[in-house]
Amino acid sequence: MFENVNMYPRGEINMNKHITNYKPKDFAELLGVSVKTLQRWDREDILKAKRTPTDRRYYTYDQYLEFKGISNIT
């Protein structure tokens, strides 16, 4: 009954079924690091978080690909 259901962490999903925006907790989990590490990388300009109009941090799928050394060819 549920064989075709895909589970995604919280975030926005584009038409290619990629999550386009990740909350820091979800992005940290995806990379296998802690949220504190992401915050430090943001301060040290290693991996800068994007910001919403209300100043909340978020990360993008393109940042994930860049971090992993994969180019996003679509």
N, C-alpha and C. Protein backbone atom coordinates (compact mmCIF):
# COMPACT_ATOMS: atom_id res chain seq x y z
N MET A 1 0.80 -1.19 0.00
CA MET A 1 0.00 0.00 0.00
C MET A 1 0.85 1.27 0.00
N PHE A 2 1.95 1.29 0.78
CA PHE A 2 2.78 2.47 0.88
C PHE A 2 4.11 2.30 0.15
N GLU A 3 4.20 1.41 -0.78
CA GLU A 3 5.47 1.11 -1.42
C GLU A 3 6.04 2.26 -2.24
N ASN A 4 5.20 3.17 -2.74
CA ASN A 4 5.69 4.28 -3.56
C ASN A 4 5.81 5.59 -2.79
N VAL A 5 5.74 5.53 -1.48
CA VAL A 5 5.84 6.73 -0.67
C VAL A 5 7.31 7.03 -0.41
N ASN A 6 7.74 8.24 -0.74
CA ASN A 6 9.12 8.67 -0.47
C ASN A 6 9.13 9.53 0.78
N MET A 7 10.05 9.27 1.68
CA MET A 7 10.16 10.05 2.90
C MET A 7 11.30 11.05 2.73
N TYR A 8 11.04 12.31 3.01
CA TYR A 8 12.03 13.37 2.90
C TYR A 8 12.12 14.10 4.23
N PRO A 9 13.33 14.58 4.60
CA PRO A 9 13.39 15.46 5.76
C PRO A 9 12.64 16.75 5.44
N ARG A 10 12.36 17.52 6.46
CA ARG A 10 11.64 18.78 6.24
C ARG A 10 12.39 19.68 5.28
N GLY A 11 11.65 20.40 4.46
CA GLY A 11 12.24 21.32 3.49
C GLY A 11 11.34 21.44 2.29
N GLU A 12 11.71 22.30 1.38
CA GLU A 12 10.93 22.47 0.17
C GLU A 12 11.41 21.49 -0.89
N ILE A 13 10.50 20.98 -1.68
CA ILE A 13 10.84 20.01 -2.71
C ILE A 13 10.52 20.61 -4.07
N ASN A 14 11.50 20.56 -5.00
CA ASN A 14 11.24 21.06 -6.35
C ASN A 14 10.70 19.93 -7.22
N MET A 15 10.47 20.22 -8.49
CA MET A 15 9.87 19.23 -9.39
C MET A 15 10.75 18.01 -9.62
N ASN A 16 12.06 18.12 -9.39
CA ASN A 16 12.96 16.98 -9.56
C ASN A 16 13.02 16.12 -8.29
N LYS A 17 12.15 16.40 -7.33
CA LYS A 17 12.07 15.67 -6.06
C LYS A 17 13.31 15.84 -5.21
N HIS A 18 14.06 16.94 -5.42
CA HIS A 18 15.17 17.28 -4.53
C HIS A 18 14.65 18.31 -3.55
N ILE A 19 15.05 18.18 -2.31
CA ILE A 19 14.72 19.22 -1.34
C ILE A 19 15.61 20.40 -1.69
N THR A 20 15.03 21.57 -1.80
CA THR A 20 15.81 22.73 -2.21
C THR A 20 16.30 23.55 -1.03
N ASN A 21 15.58 23.56 0.07
CA ASN A 21 16.00 24.30 1.26
C ASN A 21 15.95 23.39 2.48
N TYR A 22 17.04 23.43 3.27
CA TYR A 22 17.14 22.59 4.45
C TYR A 22 17.28 23.46 5.70
N LYS A 23 16.62 23.05 6.76
CA LYS A 23 16.86 23.67 8.06
C LYS A 23 18.23 23.20 8.53
N PRO A 24 18.91 23.99 9.38
CA PRO A 24 20.25 23.59 9.83
C PRO A 24 20.31 22.18 10.42
N LYS A 25 19.31 21.81 11.20
CA LYS A 25 19.32 20.47 11.82
C LYS A 25 19.32 19.38 10.75
N ASP A 26 18.49 19.55 9.72
CA ASP A 26 18.39 18.55 8.66
C ASP A 26 19.65 18.53 7.80
N PHE A 27 20.21 19.72 7.54
CA PHE A 27 21.42 19.80 6.72
C PHE A 27 22.61 19.18 7.46
N ALA A 28 22.70 19.44 8.76
CA ALA A 28 23.77 18.85 9.57
C ALA A 28 23.68 17.33 9.54
N GLU A 29 22.47 16.81 9.67
CA GLU A 29 22.26 15.36 9.62
C GLU A 29 22.67 14.80 8.25
N LEU A 30 22.32 15.52 7.20
CA LEU A 30 22.67 15.10 5.84
C LEU A 30 24.19 15.02 5.65
N LEU A 31 24.91 15.99 6.23
CA LEU A 31 26.37 16.02 6.10
C LEU A 31 27.09 15.16 7.14
N GLY A 32 26.38 14.73 8.17
CA GLY A 32 27.01 13.94 9.22
C GLY A 32 27.81 14.77 10.19
N VAL A 33 27.40 16.01 10.42
CA VAL A 33 28.06 16.90 11.38
C VAL A 33 27.01 17.44 12.33
N SER A 34 27.45 18.17 13.34
CA SER A 34 26.51 18.76 14.29
C SER A 34 26.07 20.15 13.81
N VAL A 35 24.99 20.63 14.39
CA VAL A 35 24.52 21.99 14.08
C VAL A 35 25.57 23.00 14.54
N LYS A 36 26.23 22.73 15.65
CA LYS A 36 27.30 23.62 16.14
C LYS A 36 28.42 23.72 15.11
N THR A 37 28.75 22.61 14.45
CA THR A 37 29.77 22.64 13.41
C THR A 37 29.33 23.53 12.25
N LEU A 38 28.06 23.40 11.84
CA LEU A 38 27.54 24.28 10.77
C LEU A 38 27.63 25.74 11.17
N GLN A 39 27.29 26.04 12.43
CA GLN A 39 27.36 27.42 12.90
C GLN A 39 28.80 27.94 12.87
N ARG A 40 29.74 27.09 13.27
CA ARG A 40 31.15 27.49 13.24
C ARG A 40 31.61 27.70 11.80
N TRP A 41 31.25 26.80 10.89
CA TRP A 41 31.61 26.95 9.49
C TRP A 41 31.03 28.23 8.91
N ASP A 42 29.83 28.60 9.34
CA ASP A 42 29.20 29.84 8.89
C ASP A 42 30.02 31.04 9.36
N ARG A 43 30.41 31.05 10.63
CA ARG A 43 31.23 32.14 11.18
C ARG A 43 32.58 32.23 10.49
N GLU A 44 33.16 31.08 10.17
CA GLU A 44 34.51 31.03 9.58
C GLU A 44 34.48 31.09 8.05
N ASP A 45 33.32 31.34 7.46
CA ASP A 45 33.16 31.43 6.00
C ASP A 45 33.56 30.15 5.27
N ILE A 46 33.43 29.02 5.92
CA ILE A 46 33.71 27.73 5.28
C ILE A 46 32.50 27.27 4.49
N LEU A 47 31.34 27.38 5.10
CA LEU A 47 30.07 27.03 4.44
C LEU A 47 29.03 28.01 4.98
N LYS A 48 28.80 29.08 4.24
CA LYS A 48 27.90 30.15 4.68
C LYS A 48 26.45 29.73 4.54
N ALA A 49 25.69 29.95 5.60
CA ALA A 49 24.25 29.70 5.56
C ALA A 49 23.58 30.84 4.81
N LYS A 50 22.51 30.52 4.14
CA LYS A 50 21.65 31.54 3.55
C LYS A 50 20.76 32.04 4.69
N ARG A 51 20.11 33.18 4.49
CA ARG A 51 19.24 33.74 5.52
C ARG A 51 17.87 34.07 4.95
N THR A 52 16.84 33.81 5.73
CA THR A 52 15.49 34.20 5.35
C THR A 52 15.31 35.68 5.68
N PRO A 53 14.22 36.29 5.22
CA PRO A 53 13.97 37.70 5.59
C PRO A 53 13.86 37.91 7.10
N THR A 54 13.53 36.86 7.85
CA THR A 54 13.47 36.96 9.31
C THR A 54 14.77 36.50 9.97
N ASP A 55 15.85 36.39 9.18
CA ASP A 55 17.21 36.09 9.63
C ASP A 55 17.41 34.66 10.13
N ARG A 56 16.57 33.75 9.72
CA ARG A 56 16.79 32.34 10.06
C ARG A 56 17.74 31.73 9.03
N ARG A 57 18.60 30.83 9.52
CA ARG A 57 19.55 30.16 8.63
C ARG A 57 18.85 29.04 7.86
N TYR A 58 19.32 28.84 6.62
CA TYR A 58 18.91 27.67 5.86
C TYR A 58 20.02 27.35 4.86
N TYR A 59 19.99 26.15 4.35
CA TYR A 59 20.98 25.69 3.38
C TYR A 59 20.24 25.16 2.16
N THR A 60 20.92 25.13 1.02
CA THR A 60 20.29 24.70 -0.22
C THR A 60 20.87 23.38 -0.71
N TYR A 61 20.13 22.77 -1.62
CA TYR A 61 20.59 21.53 -2.25
C TYR A 61 21.88 21.78 -3.03
N ASP A 62 21.97 22.93 -3.67
CA ASP A 62 23.20 23.27 -4.41
C ASP A 62 24.40 23.36 -3.46
N GLN A 63 24.19 23.87 -2.25
CA GLN A 63 25.28 23.91 -1.28
C GLN A 63 25.71 22.50 -0.89
N TYR A 64 24.74 21.61 -0.78
CA TYR A 64 25.05 20.21 -0.49
C TYR A 64 25.92 19.62 -1.60
N LEU A 65 25.50 19.83 -2.85
CA LEU A 65 26.27 19.29 -3.97
C LEU A 65 27.66 19.89 -4.02
N GLU A 66 27.75 21.19 -3.78
CA GLU A 66 29.06 21.86 -3.78
C GLU A 66 29.94 21.30 -2.67
N PHE A 67 29.38 21.11 -1.48
CA PHE A 67 30.13 20.57 -0.36
C PHE A 67 30.65 19.17 -0.67
N LYS A 68 29.82 18.37 -1.31
CA LYS A 68 30.20 17.00 -1.66
C LYS A 68 31.07 16.93 -2.91
N GLY A 69 31.28 18.07 -3.57
CA GLY A 69 32.11 18.09 -4.77
C GLY A 69 31.41 17.57 -6.00
N ILE A 70 30.10 17.71 -6.03
CA ILE A 70 29.29 17.25 -7.16
C ILE A 70 28.72 18.47 -7.85
N SER A 71 28.84 18.54 -9.16
CA SER A 71 28.23 19.68 -9.85
C SER A 71 26.78 19.35 -10.16
N ASN A 72 25.94 20.36 -10.09
CA ASN A 72 24.50 20.20 -10.30
C ASN A 72 24.19 20.42 -11.77
N ILE A 73 24.27 19.36 -12.57
CA ILE A 73 23.99 19.44 -14.00
C ILE A 73 22.57 18.95 -14.22
N THR A 74 21.67 19.89 -14.56
CA THR A 74 20.28 19.49 -14.81
C THR A 74 19.80 20.07 -16.11
